[in-house]
Every structure is written in structure tokens, then in C-alpha cells.
Amino acid sequence: MTPTAPLHLPADLRAMLEAVRRVGRPRLVGGGVRDWLLGLEPKDFDLEVAGTDFETLHRALGPFGATNVVGRSFGVIKVRSHATGTEYDFSLPRRESKTGAGHRGFAVAPDPQLSDAEAAARRDFTINAIALDPFTHEIIDPHGGQADLRARVLRHTSAAFAEDPLRVLRAFQLAARFDLMLAPETAALCRSISDSYAELPLERIWGEWEKWAVKSLRPSRGLAVLEESGWLRHFPEVAALRGTPQDPGWHPEGDVFTHTQHCLDALVALDAWAEAGVARRRVLMFGVLAHDFGKPATTHQAEKNGALRWVSPGHEPAGGPLAETFLRRIGALLELDAPVRALVVNHLAHHHGWDGNFSDASVRRLARRLAPATIDELAAVMRADCNGRPPRQVPETHRLIDQLVEKARALALDESAPRPIILGRHLIALGLRPGPEFTPVLEAAFEAQLDGAFNDETTGRVWLESHLRKT
């Protein structure tokens, strides 16, 4: 394929490559080359140098920055540039042989004499097995990676793929990040090693899920890869969505799994997603993924408007614990549990009888229930849910969401929950001694604040004095 723009290498890296070419044969390899061919700005540059040995390569790189040779046994040198502070990885071509279970059970032996094709064969997918000569700009593609990029196909490079089960989860997140389809033969190979999932450490599982959550272009493709590869069974909260029916009048797109895929893709199309940082993207993506986890257990047929329909009463609260179970299953950050659960449990708050007449008290209470998630985050989940029903469009739902957000912003609650105005120090100032009796008074004060009985410290003290006289 033809790149849309020339590859611009940083000046400090070009200087390193000039030195390295005097002792070996440098190549740009891996994701940086792939991203460039896709017209994306490469974030990382990995270099592989054949035709030299470790010590000679180390000496050539020494003048350019601090070197870290922790990866010496793998033939890897990390160089932190004196000029920019950027770290670059230089490695020797290497052979790998399976010696034990899991993704770490490999014997690695650097071999500077490997050809480009032999060195590329150890890489996971053909799209990651493309190299570039940084001086002649020749693209070296012995395994057909460019053709697969054009066809948007994710294909394993060799049968050695099966030796590392983590590569299946890499397929999951790469498919979502670059909108790729899994090659049928690769899907079959993944199915054949499904039992090896148990060999993977939790932190590596989370690493791949986090990339999916933060970097996806089309997250539904990741779920499709899990299903096609037979690995969906390792995530039962998600697997249970497949085959759970929905009322076709409200959900013409199909079952809950299909709906969730559409919702995830709708999320990444929102401005709220494009403008979000990493932490918020994690919360939003897992909030949308888990928003209907409660449906498999609550869905049944019931008479509604004179006809039998699929309904799922109570699926919002039912999904909260399942969301947490799923997050623990994939080793997610503990800080995700509370906001994701809150978004799942409250994702239909705009439909519960308000009809757009959101009172100040109802919005205050919603913001309180959501914390540490926010109404702005909930609005993004609600919009993704609404847009995940193609071809059905529901503009009235978006109007409800708009009204909720407008009310929250008017109350300065779109990005935070209300904080109690009346605190223990106010009771002490009135002559009360600290003790267990403080708790019910402070709780009553906060409830009154949420109801709008007072909105600042002055009126709060007036309310407190009146309340204490009555009790």
C-alpha cells in the first residue's frame, strides 16, 4: 500500500541510525511502520539491527544517551536520548522457542544473522511484520502485511502464534483499534488454544482490555473477535448478552449483544468521547459495555399494550454487581468499580417518570447517587444507548438527555455531586458535644439540602437551628 505522507524520523533518532548503519543493518519494525502505512502518526519507533552483535551495537549507541541493557538476554537496548529525553528500543533479531506454559514460557536467543523474513516470522500478525529500511525507504513485507492492511484483515504470521495465548487478546484490541476483521484461519487457530487462557496473568489480560477501552476506533470489532475466536466464554457477563432477546419495536437491531456492539460504536462517535482523557474513556467504555449486563437474568415475556413483549424490568440494578464482577475478572483498576457500577444502575434515569420536568431535587439526588461518576458521563452513556438501535432514531430521548444536562449545569452538578453544607462544626458551634447523635442530624440536614430547603451556609444554619428546636 502507498503511505499518504513520508515518514519523518526525529533528528536524534536519525543520528543514532547513521551510527548504527556503520556496524549493522537497521530496520524500523512493528507498530510504528503499521501506523505510518495506515496514514497515522507513529507514536513509537522500534528498531531491529541485524549483522552485528550486542556489544558492538551498545558501543555505537552509547554517545547518544543513557542506555539500559536490562533486556540484554533478549538482545534489547533502550536508549534515552540526551537531546530530547525520548526513549528508543534497539534490538537484535532473535529466535524464540517454546519451553513452558503461558506467554512467558519462551527461550529467546538473539541471532544477528537472521534474514528479514526469518526475523519477521516471530511477530504475531502480518500487519506487524512489516519493516522499513530507514535509508532507502524500502518496505520489507515478506508475509503480505500490506495486502492485509488494505483488506482490513488481521492474520497470524505463522503457526508459532499458537504458542502465546496473549496474542488472541492482542487480536481483540487491535481489531477494535484499527477496524479489522479476523482471518478465518486465525479464528480457527485461536479456538484451538482457547483453554490456554488460564495461563495468562491478570495484569496482562487487563493490559489488552485497557487498550480496547481507551484506543478503540470501532470497539464492536473487538467483541466480534472474542466471539469468532471462541474466547468470549472467558467473559461470561458479556457472553450472556448473546441470544438475550429484546422487543423488536424498541430494538430492531437484534439481541442484547448486538445492541451493545452498536452502543459501543456510537459512544466513540460522540464528542464527549473525542474530548475525554484516558481515565474518563475507561469509565465510559466499560459503563456502556456493562449497561445491559442485568438483562439476561431479568428478560422475559409479558403482556404490554395488549400484546406479549420482551421486557427486562429491574435490569439496571441487577447489572451493577455484574459490572463489578466483570471488572474484577479482567483485573481492571479498582477505581473503576464505583463509577462504572453507578452508570450501569442509573443509565435509564432519564426515562423514570420525569418526562423532562427535572426538578432541582431530583437532579441533586441523581448526582449524589452517581458519585464518583458524573451526570456528564451518564449523559454520554445514555446517548450511546439511544444511538445503539439502528435504524431506529429516538430524538425525544436526546431531548430528555439535553434537558437533564442543562438542569445539572444550571445547578453546577454536571461534573460533580453536591457536597453537604452543614457539617459537624456547625453542630459544635451550637453547643452540641460530638457523639453518635451527630449522624442522624447531619443526614437530615443533607436530605433537606437536596430537597432545596437551603442552598448556602447562612440559610443552612437557620434550618439547623429550627430542626434542633423541633427535635
Protein backbone atom coordinates (compact mmCIF):
# COMPACT_ATOMS: atom_id res chain seq x y z
CA MET A 1 0.00 0.00 0.00
CA THR A 2 1.10 3.59 -0.59
CA PRO A 3 1.68 5.75 2.51
CA THR A 4 -0.16 9.07 2.48
CA ALA A 5 2.90 11.02 3.71
CA PRO A 6 6.63 10.46 4.05
CA LEU A 7 7.85 9.04 7.35
CA HIS A 8 9.53 11.79 9.33
CA LEU A 9 12.03 10.48 11.85
CA PRO A 10 13.12 12.65 14.81
CA ALA A 11 16.57 14.21 14.36
CA ASP A 12 18.04 12.41 17.37
CA LEU A 13 16.85 9.04 16.05
CA ARG A 14 18.25 9.77 12.59
CA ALA A 15 21.64 10.47 14.16
CA MET A 16 21.52 7.16 16.04
CA LEU A 17 20.61 5.30 12.85
CA GLU A 18 23.54 6.86 10.99
CA ALA A 19 25.87 5.50 13.65
CA VAL A 20 24.21 2.11 13.73
CA ARG A 21 24.33 1.62 9.96
CA ARG A 22 28.13 1.61 10.19
CA VAL A 23 28.05 -1.57 12.26
CA GLY A 24 24.83 -3.33 11.17
CA ARG A 25 21.63 -3.32 9.13
CA PRO A 26 18.94 -1.23 10.90
CA ARG A 27 15.23 -1.62 10.23
CA LEU A 28 12.19 0.17 11.55
CA VAL A 29 9.76 -2.55 12.65
CA GLY A 30 6.41 -3.21 14.32
CA GLY A 31 3.55 -0.89 15.13
CA GLY A 32 5.28 2.30 14.02
CA VAL A 33 5.55 1.04 10.45
CA ARG A 34 1.97 -0.25 10.54
CA ASP A 35 0.63 3.08 11.77
CA TRP A 36 2.56 5.01 9.13
CA LEU A 37 1.16 2.79 6.37
CA LEU A 38 -2.32 3.46 7.74
CA GLY A 39 -1.74 7.20 7.48
CA LEU A 40 -1.43 7.63 11.25
CA GLU A 41 1.31 9.46 13.12
CA PRO A 42 3.60 6.79 14.62
CA LYS A 43 3.78 7.07 18.41
CA ASP A 44 6.72 4.71 18.91
CA PHE A 45 9.74 3.76 16.85
CA ASP A 46 11.20 0.28 17.36
CA LEU A 47 14.46 -0.59 15.66
CA GLU A 48 15.88 -4.01 14.81
CA VAL A 49 19.54 -4.27 13.82
CA ALA A 50 20.92 -7.33 12.06
CA GLY A 51 24.52 -8.11 11.13
CA THR A 52 26.10 -7.02 14.42
CA ASP A 53 26.49 -8.23 17.99
CA PHE A 54 25.20 -6.82 21.25
CA GLU A 55 28.45 -5.22 22.44
CA THR A 56 29.12 -3.50 19.12
CA LEU A 57 25.57 -2.16 18.96
CA HIS A 58 25.86 -0.95 22.55
CA ARG A 59 29.09 0.94 21.81
CA ALA A 60 27.54 2.58 18.73
CA LEU A 61 24.57 3.86 20.75
CA GLY A 62 26.49 4.93 23.85
CA PRO A 63 27.30 8.50 22.72
CA PHE A 64 23.63 9.35 22.15
CA GLY A 65 22.19 8.81 25.61
CA ALA A 66 21.83 6.70 28.70
CA THR A 67 21.49 3.04 27.79
CA ASN A 68 19.55 0.40 29.67
CA VAL A 69 20.62 -3.18 28.97
CA VAL A 70 18.09 -4.89 31.23
CA GLY A 71 16.92 -6.77 28.12
CA ARG A 72 20.45 -7.99 27.33
CA SER A 73 19.43 -11.67 27.27
CA PHE A 74 16.77 -10.73 24.69
CA GLY A 75 19.21 -8.59 22.71
CA VAL A 76 17.40 -5.34 23.60
CA ILE A 77 18.98 -1.95 24.37
CA LYS A 78 16.89 1.02 25.49
CA VAL A 79 18.44 4.40 24.72
CA ARG A 80 17.23 7.60 26.38
CA SER A 81 18.28 10.42 24.07
CA HIS A 82 20.50 13.15 25.55
CA ALA A 83 18.94 15.57 23.07
CA THR A 84 15.22 15.04 23.74
CA GLY A 85 14.80 12.55 26.59
CA THR A 86 12.89 10.23 24.23
CA GLU A 87 13.49 6.51 24.74
CA TYR A 88 14.07 4.25 21.75
CA ASP A 89 14.29 0.45 21.67
CA PHE A 90 17.05 -1.16 19.61
CA SER A 91 17.09 -4.95 19.38
CA LEU A 92 18.88 -7.75 17.60
CA PRO A 93 16.85 -10.20 15.51
CA ARG A 94 16.07 -13.22 17.65
CA ARG A 95 14.78 -16.76 17.61
CA GLU A 96 12.16 -17.91 20.08
CA SER A 97 11.33 -21.45 21.14
CA LYS A 98 8.52 -22.61 23.41
CA THR A 99 9.78 -24.02 26.72
CA GLY A 100 6.76 -23.82 29.03
CA ALA A 101 3.19 -22.70 29.55
CA GLY A 102 1.95 -19.18 29.07
CA HIS A 103 3.16 -16.13 27.20
CA ARG A 104 6.42 -16.10 29.18
CA GLY A 105 7.38 -19.71 28.54
CA PHE A 106 9.90 -18.96 25.79
CA ALA A 107 13.62 -19.33 25.31
CA VAL A 108 14.93 -16.33 23.41
CA ALA A 109 18.24 -16.31 21.56
CA PRO A 110 19.48 -13.23 19.64
CA ASP A 111 20.67 -14.17 16.16
CA PRO A 112 22.19 -11.26 14.18
CA GLN A 113 22.41 -13.40 11.05
CA LEU A 114 18.66 -13.85 10.60
CA SER A 115 17.21 -12.63 7.32
CA ASP A 116 14.43 -10.04 7.28
CA ALA A 117 11.87 -12.75 6.56
CA GLU A 118 13.10 -15.01 9.37
CA ALA A 119 13.16 -12.14 11.86
CA ALA A 120 9.62 -11.08 10.90
CA ALA A 121 8.24 -14.61 11.26
CA ARG A 122 8.25 -14.42 15.07
CA ARG A 123 5.85 -11.45 15.07
CA ASP A 124 2.19 -12.01 15.91
CA PHE A 125 0.32 -10.65 12.88
CA THR A 126 1.28 -9.93 9.30
CA ILE A 127 0.40 -6.26 9.72
CA ASN A 128 3.02 -6.06 12.49
CA ALA A 129 5.63 -7.97 10.49
CA ILE A 130 6.37 -5.18 8.01
CA ALA A 131 9.78 -3.50 8.21
CA LEU A 132 11.23 -0.36 6.64
CA ASP A 133 14.78 0.46 5.61
CA PRO A 134 15.20 3.97 7.09
CA PHE A 135 17.74 4.98 4.43
CA THR A 136 16.38 3.57 1.17
CA HIS A 137 12.72 3.70 2.40
CA GLU A 138 12.26 0.19 1.02
CA ILE A 139 9.24 -1.56 2.56
CA ILE A 140 10.14 -5.12 3.54
CA ASP A 141 7.00 -7.22 3.71
CA PRO A 142 7.76 -10.95 3.49
CA HIS A 143 4.41 -12.06 4.95
CA GLY A 144 1.89 -9.97 3.00
CA GLY A 145 1.08 -7.47 5.73
CA GLN A 146 0.37 -4.60 3.31
CA ALA A 147 -2.26 -6.62 1.47
CA ASP A 148 -3.89 -7.49 4.79
CA LEU A 149 -3.88 -3.84 5.82
CA ARG A 150 -5.63 -2.92 2.57
CA ALA A 151 -8.20 -5.65 3.13
CA ARG A 152 -8.51 -4.77 6.83
CA VAL A 153 -7.68 -8.36 7.79
CA LEU A 154 -5.91 -9.49 10.95
CA ARG A 155 -3.96 -12.66 10.10
CA HIS A 156 -1.36 -14.58 12.11
CA THR A 157 2.15 -14.62 10.70
CA SER A 158 3.00 -18.27 11.42
CA ALA A 159 1.83 -21.33 13.34
CA ALA A 160 4.02 -20.14 16.24
CA PHE A 161 1.16 -17.74 17.02
CA ALA A 162 -0.46 -20.57 19.00
CA GLU A 163 2.45 -20.68 21.44
CA ASP A 164 1.47 -17.37 23.05
CA PRO A 165 -2.21 -17.14 24.15
CA LEU A 166 -1.90 -13.42 24.87
CA ARG A 167 -1.91 -12.90 21.11
CA VAL A 168 -5.62 -13.70 20.99
CA LEU A 169 -6.35 -10.75 23.27
CA ARG A 170 -3.99 -8.65 21.19
CA ALA A 171 -6.17 -9.58 18.21
CA PHE A 172 -9.21 -8.44 20.20
CA GLN A 173 -7.86 -4.95 20.87
CA LEU A 174 -6.08 -4.48 17.52
CA ALA A 175 -9.27 -5.33 15.62
CA ALA A 176 -11.10 -2.65 17.62
CA ARG A 177 -8.36 -0.04 17.28
CA PHE A 178 -7.94 -0.40 13.50
CA ASP A 179 -11.36 -1.76 12.43
CA LEU A 180 -10.04 -5.15 11.33
CA MET A 181 -11.69 -8.48 10.56
CA LEU A 182 -10.17 -11.69 11.91
CA ALA A 183 -8.98 -14.05 9.16
CA PRO A 184 -10.94 -17.34 9.28
CA GLU A 185 -7.79 -19.43 9.67
CA THR A 186 -6.62 -17.19 12.51
CA ALA A 187 -10.01 -17.52 14.22
CA ALA A 188 -9.72 -21.31 13.95
CA LEU A 189 -6.23 -21.23 15.45
CA CYS A 190 -7.49 -19.06 18.32
CA ARG A 191 -10.30 -21.52 19.01
CA SER A 192 -7.81 -24.36 19.19
CA ILE A 193 -5.93 -22.68 22.07
CA SER A 194 -8.92 -21.34 24.00
CA ASP A 195 -8.10 -23.44 27.07
CA SER A 196 -4.73 -21.71 27.39
CA TYR A 197 -6.48 -18.54 28.58
CA ALA A 198 -5.96 -19.83 32.14
CA GLU A 199 -2.20 -19.42 31.68
CA LEU A 200 -2.42 -15.65 31.32
CA PRO A 201 -1.64 -13.41 34.30
CA LEU A 202 -4.40 -10.97 35.23
CA GLU A 203 -2.28 -7.88 34.64
CA ARG A 204 -1.68 -8.86 31.01
CA ILE A 205 -5.39 -9.53 30.47
CA TRP A 206 -6.13 -6.05 31.81
CA GLY A 207 -3.45 -4.52 29.60
CA GLU A 208 -5.26 -5.66 26.47
CA TRP A 209 -8.73 -4.71 27.75
CA GLU A 210 -7.45 -1.27 28.70
CA LYS A 211 -6.11 -0.69 25.18
CA TRP A 212 -9.51 -1.70 23.83
CA ALA A 213 -11.26 0.66 26.25
CA VAL A 214 -9.08 3.69 25.54
CA LYS A 215 -7.95 3.39 21.92
CA SER A 216 -10.81 1.77 20.00
CA LEU A 217 -11.90 3.13 16.65
CA ARG A 218 -14.65 0.51 16.35
CA PRO A 219 -14.97 -1.37 19.65
CA SER A 220 -17.62 -3.75 18.31
CA ARG A 221 -14.93 -5.40 16.18
CA GLY A 222 -13.13 -6.44 19.35
CA LEU A 223 -16.22 -8.20 20.68
CA ALA A 224 -16.67 -9.88 17.29
CA VAL A 225 -13.11 -11.23 17.53
CA LEU A 226 -13.80 -12.63 21.00
CA GLU A 227 -16.89 -14.36 19.65
CA GLU A 228 -15.28 -15.69 16.46
CA SER A 229 -12.23 -16.93 18.35
CA GLY A 230 -14.26 -18.78 20.98
CA TRP A 231 -12.74 -16.63 23.71
CA LEU A 232 -15.98 -14.85 24.60
CA ARG A 233 -16.71 -17.71 27.01
CA HIS A 234 -13.94 -16.43 29.27
CA PHE A 235 -16.01 -13.29 29.89
CA PRO A 236 -19.43 -14.74 30.82
CA GLU A 237 -21.06 -11.41 31.67
CA VAL A 238 -20.53 -10.35 28.05
CA ALA A 239 -21.22 -13.80 26.57
CA ALA A 240 -24.63 -13.93 28.28
CA LEU A 241 -25.78 -10.97 26.18
CA ARG A 242 -25.71 -13.07 23.01
CA GLY A 243 -29.15 -14.59 22.47
CA THR A 244 -30.91 -12.44 25.07
CA PRO A 245 -33.94 -11.17 23.11
CA GLN A 246 -35.36 -7.64 23.01
CA ASP A 247 -38.63 -6.11 21.88
CA PRO A 248 -38.08 -5.56 18.13
CA GLY A 249 -40.23 -2.44 18.19
CA TRP A 250 -37.78 -0.75 20.57
CA HIS A 251 -34.69 -2.67 19.49
CA PRO A 252 -34.87 -3.53 15.75
CA GLU A 253 -31.10 -4.19 15.71
CA GLY A 254 -31.38 -7.58 17.42
CA ASP A 255 -30.35 -9.19 20.68
CA VAL A 256 -28.59 -7.52 23.61
CA PHE A 257 -25.10 -8.46 22.38
CA THR A 258 -25.75 -6.78 19.01
CA HIS A 259 -27.26 -3.76 20.76
CA THR A 260 -24.20 -3.45 22.98
CA GLN A 261 -21.90 -3.56 19.96
CA HIS A 262 -23.86 -0.72 18.33
CA CYS A 263 -23.81 1.26 21.58
CA LEU A 264 -20.03 0.96 21.88
CA ASP A 265 -19.53 2.17 18.33
CA ALA A 266 -22.00 5.00 18.98
CA LEU A 267 -20.00 6.03 22.05
CA VAL A 268 -16.74 6.56 20.16
CA ALA A 269 -18.62 8.76 17.66
CA LEU A 270 -19.63 11.22 20.39
CA ASP A 271 -17.82 14.50 21.05
CA ALA A 272 -17.80 13.51 24.73
CA TRP A 273 -15.55 10.58 23.80
CA ALA A 274 -13.26 12.51 21.47
CA GLU A 275 -12.70 15.15 24.15
CA ALA A 276 -12.21 12.69 27.03
CA GLY A 277 -8.90 11.80 28.63
CA VAL A 278 -7.76 8.25 29.33
CA ALA A 279 -9.41 7.95 32.76
CA ARG A 280 -12.81 9.12 31.52
CA ARG A 281 -12.62 6.94 28.41
CA ARG A 282 -12.14 3.88 30.61
CA VAL A 283 -15.20 4.76 32.68
CA LEU A 284 -17.37 5.48 29.65
CA MET A 285 -16.38 2.41 27.65
CA PHE A 286 -16.93 -0.04 30.48
CA GLY A 287 -20.11 1.79 31.51
CA VAL A 288 -21.54 1.24 28.03
CA LEU A 289 -20.23 -2.33 27.76
CA ALA A 290 -21.88 -3.27 31.06
CA HIS A 291 -25.04 -1.16 30.88
CA ASP A 292 -27.26 -4.14 30.00
CA PHE A 293 -25.44 -6.88 31.94
CA GLY A 294 -28.62 -7.25 34.01
CA LYS A 295 -30.84 -8.14 31.05
CA PRO A 296 -30.05 -11.88 30.70
CA ALA A 297 -31.34 -12.52 34.24
CA THR A 298 -34.39 -10.23 34.05
CA THR A 299 -35.68 -10.63 30.48
CA HIS A 300 -38.99 -12.42 29.98
CA GLN A 301 -42.20 -12.07 28.00
CA ALA A 302 -45.09 -10.13 29.48
CA GLU A 303 -48.30 -8.59 28.21
CA LYS A 304 -47.85 -4.94 27.36
CA ASN A 305 -50.34 -2.79 25.45
CA GLY A 306 -52.36 -5.91 24.63
CA ALA A 307 -49.50 -7.98 23.22
CA LEU A 308 -46.74 -10.26 24.50
CA ARG A 309 -43.44 -8.40 24.51
CA TRP A 310 -39.93 -8.95 25.74
CA VAL A 311 -39.34 -6.86 28.85
CA SER A 312 -36.42 -6.57 31.30
CA PRO A 313 -37.74 -4.89 34.45
CA GLY A 314 -35.09 -4.15 37.03
CA HIS A 315 -32.17 -4.83 34.75
CA GLU A 316 -30.42 -1.61 35.78
CA PRO A 317 -29.87 -2.53 39.47
CA ALA A 318 -29.30 -6.16 38.52
CA GLY A 319 -26.41 -5.10 36.28
CA GLY A 320 -24.47 -3.23 38.95
CA PRO A 321 -22.96 -6.24 40.77
CA LEU A 322 -22.30 -8.00 37.46
CA ALA A 323 -20.34 -4.98 36.23
CA GLU A 324 -18.09 -5.19 39.27
CA THR A 325 -17.66 -8.95 38.88
CA PHE A 326 -16.62 -8.44 35.27
CA LEU A 327 -14.14 -5.69 36.14
CA ARG A 328 -12.53 -7.92 38.77
CA ARG A 329 -12.45 -10.80 36.25
CA ILE A 330 -10.33 -8.77 33.82
CA GLY A 331 -8.09 -7.25 36.50
CA ALA A 332 -9.36 -3.68 35.99
CA LEU A 333 -8.27 -0.83 38.22
CA LEU A 334 -10.24 -0.86 41.48
CA GLU A 335 -11.06 2.81 40.96
CA LEU A 336 -13.33 1.82 38.06
CA ASP A 337 -15.75 -0.24 40.14
CA ALA A 338 -17.76 2.57 41.73
CA PRO A 339 -18.25 4.87 38.71
CA VAL A 340 -18.99 2.04 36.27
CA ARG A 341 -21.48 0.46 38.66
CA ALA A 342 -23.18 3.83 39.19
CA LEU A 343 -23.51 4.43 35.45
CA VAL A 344 -24.99 0.96 34.91
CA VAL A 345 -27.51 1.26 37.75
CA ASN A 346 -28.67 4.73 36.65
CA HIS A 347 -28.47 4.50 32.86
CA LEU A 348 -32.27 4.83 32.45
CA ALA A 349 -32.71 7.65 34.96
CA HIS A 350 -33.98 9.98 32.21
CA HIS A 351 -36.92 7.64 31.50
CA HIS A 352 -38.25 7.15 35.00
CA GLY A 353 -41.36 9.30 35.03
CA TRP A 354 -39.82 12.74 34.72
CA ASP A 355 -40.87 13.48 31.13
CA GLY A 356 -38.31 16.25 31.01
CA ASN A 357 -39.58 18.00 34.15
CA PHE A 358 -36.38 17.50 36.07
CA SER A 359 -36.75 19.13 39.47
CA ASP A 360 -33.75 20.58 41.25
CA ALA A 361 -34.12 17.98 43.99
CA SER A 362 -34.27 15.04 41.56
CA VAL A 363 -31.09 16.18 39.78
CA ARG A 364 -29.28 16.74 43.08
CA ARG A 365 -30.20 13.22 44.18
CA LEU A 366 -29.16 11.74 40.85
CA ALA A 367 -25.77 13.46 41.06
CA ARG A 368 -25.38 12.10 44.58
CA ARG A 369 -26.25 8.54 43.51
CA LEU A 370 -23.82 8.70 40.61
CA ALA A 371 -20.75 9.86 42.54
CA PRO A 372 -17.91 9.36 41.75
CA ALA A 373 -19.36 9.23 38.22
CA THR A 374 -20.94 12.42 36.92
CA ILE A 375 -24.09 13.50 35.11
CA ASP A 376 -21.99 14.43 32.08
CA GLU A 377 -20.63 10.87 31.97
CA LEU A 378 -24.11 9.44 32.43
CA ALA A 379 -25.35 11.59 29.55
CA ALA A 380 -22.69 10.08 27.27
CA VAL A 381 -23.75 6.55 28.25
CA MET A 382 -27.41 7.45 27.70
CA ARG A 383 -26.69 8.91 24.25
CA ALA A 384 -24.69 5.84 23.23
CA ASP A 385 -27.54 3.62 24.44
CA CYS A 386 -30.09 5.65 22.47
CA ASN A 387 -27.98 5.63 19.29
CA GLY A 388 -27.33 1.88 19.52
CA ARG A 389 -30.66 0.88 17.95
CA PRO A 390 -30.24 1.26 14.20
CA PRO A 391 -32.17 2.08 12.16
CA ARG A 392 -34.43 3.41 14.91
CA GLN A 393 -33.81 7.02 15.90
CA VAL A 394 -35.27 8.49 19.07
CA PRO A 395 -34.87 12.30 19.05
CA GLU A 396 -37.22 12.66 22.01
CA THR A 397 -34.75 10.71 24.16
CA HIS A 398 -31.96 13.07 23.19
CA ARG A 399 -34.19 15.98 24.17
CA LEU A 400 -34.67 14.45 27.60
CA ILE A 401 -30.92 14.00 27.98
CA ASP A 402 -30.33 17.60 26.88
CA GLN A 403 -32.81 18.84 29.48
CA LEU A 404 -31.15 16.78 32.20
CA VAL A 405 -27.71 18.14 31.32
CA GLU A 406 -28.99 21.73 31.14
CA LYS A 407 -30.56 21.43 34.59
CA ALA A 408 -27.40 19.85 36.01
CA ARG A 409 -25.25 22.65 34.60
CA ALA A 410 -27.58 25.30 35.99
CA LEU A 411 -27.06 23.69 39.41
CA ALA A 412 -23.28 23.26 38.80
CA LEU A 413 -23.74 19.49 39.14
CA ASP A 414 -22.80 18.29 35.66
CA GLU A 415 -19.26 17.42 36.72
CA SER A 416 -19.63 16.88 40.48
CA ALA A 417 -22.01 15.71 43.17
CA PRO A 418 -23.48 18.02 45.81
CA ARG A 419 -21.44 18.35 48.99
CA PRO A 420 -23.01 18.70 52.45
CA ILE A 421 -23.20 22.32 53.60
CA ILE A 422 -23.95 21.56 57.24
CA LEU A 423 -21.04 19.79 58.94
CA GLY A 424 -20.11 18.70 62.41
CA ARG A 425 -18.50 22.05 63.19
CA HIS A 426 -21.87 23.75 62.81
CA LEU A 427 -23.36 21.49 65.50
CA ILE A 428 -20.40 22.15 67.78
CA ALA A 429 -20.85 25.89 67.28
CA LEU A 430 -24.39 25.50 68.64
CA GLY A 431 -23.05 23.90 71.81
CA LEU A 432 -23.55 20.21 70.96
CA ARG A 433 -20.89 17.73 72.02
CA PRO A 434 -19.60 15.32 69.32
CA GLY A 435 -21.13 11.88 69.54
CA PRO A 436 -23.30 9.28 67.79
CA GLU A 437 -26.28 11.67 67.80
CA PHE A 438 -24.47 13.83 65.23
CA THR A 439 -25.06 11.29 62.46
CA PRO A 440 -28.88 11.47 62.16
CA VAL A 441 -28.81 15.28 62.38
CA LEU A 442 -26.21 15.60 59.61
CA GLU A 443 -28.08 13.07 57.46
CA ALA A 444 -31.32 15.00 57.91
CA ALA A 445 -29.52 18.24 57.03
CA PHE A 446 -28.14 16.78 53.82
CA GLU A 447 -31.55 15.41 52.82
CA ALA A 448 -33.08 18.83 53.42
CA GLN A 449 -30.31 20.44 51.36
CA LEU A 450 -31.01 18.04 48.47
CA ASP A 451 -34.70 18.93 48.69
CA GLY A 452 -33.81 22.60 48.37
CA ALA A 453 -34.59 23.69 51.95
CA PHE A 454 -31.37 25.74 51.93
CA ASN A 455 -28.53 26.36 49.50
CA ASP A 456 -25.82 28.15 51.45
CA GLU A 457 -24.25 28.18 54.90
CA THR A 458 -26.32 31.07 56.23
CA THR A 459 -29.69 29.56 55.36
CA GLY A 460 -28.35 26.17 56.39
CA ARG A 461 -27.66 27.37 59.94
CA VAL A 462 -31.18 28.78 60.12
CA TRP A 463 -32.58 25.41 59.04
CA LEU A 464 -30.36 23.59 61.54
CA GLU A 465 -31.47 25.74 64.50
CA SER A 466 -35.10 25.18 63.56
CA HIS A 467 -34.58 21.44 63.16
CA LEU A 468 -32.88 21.14 66.54
CA ARG A 469 -35.68 23.03 68.26
CA LYS A 470 -38.20 20.58 66.79
CA THR A 471 -36.24 17.54 67.90
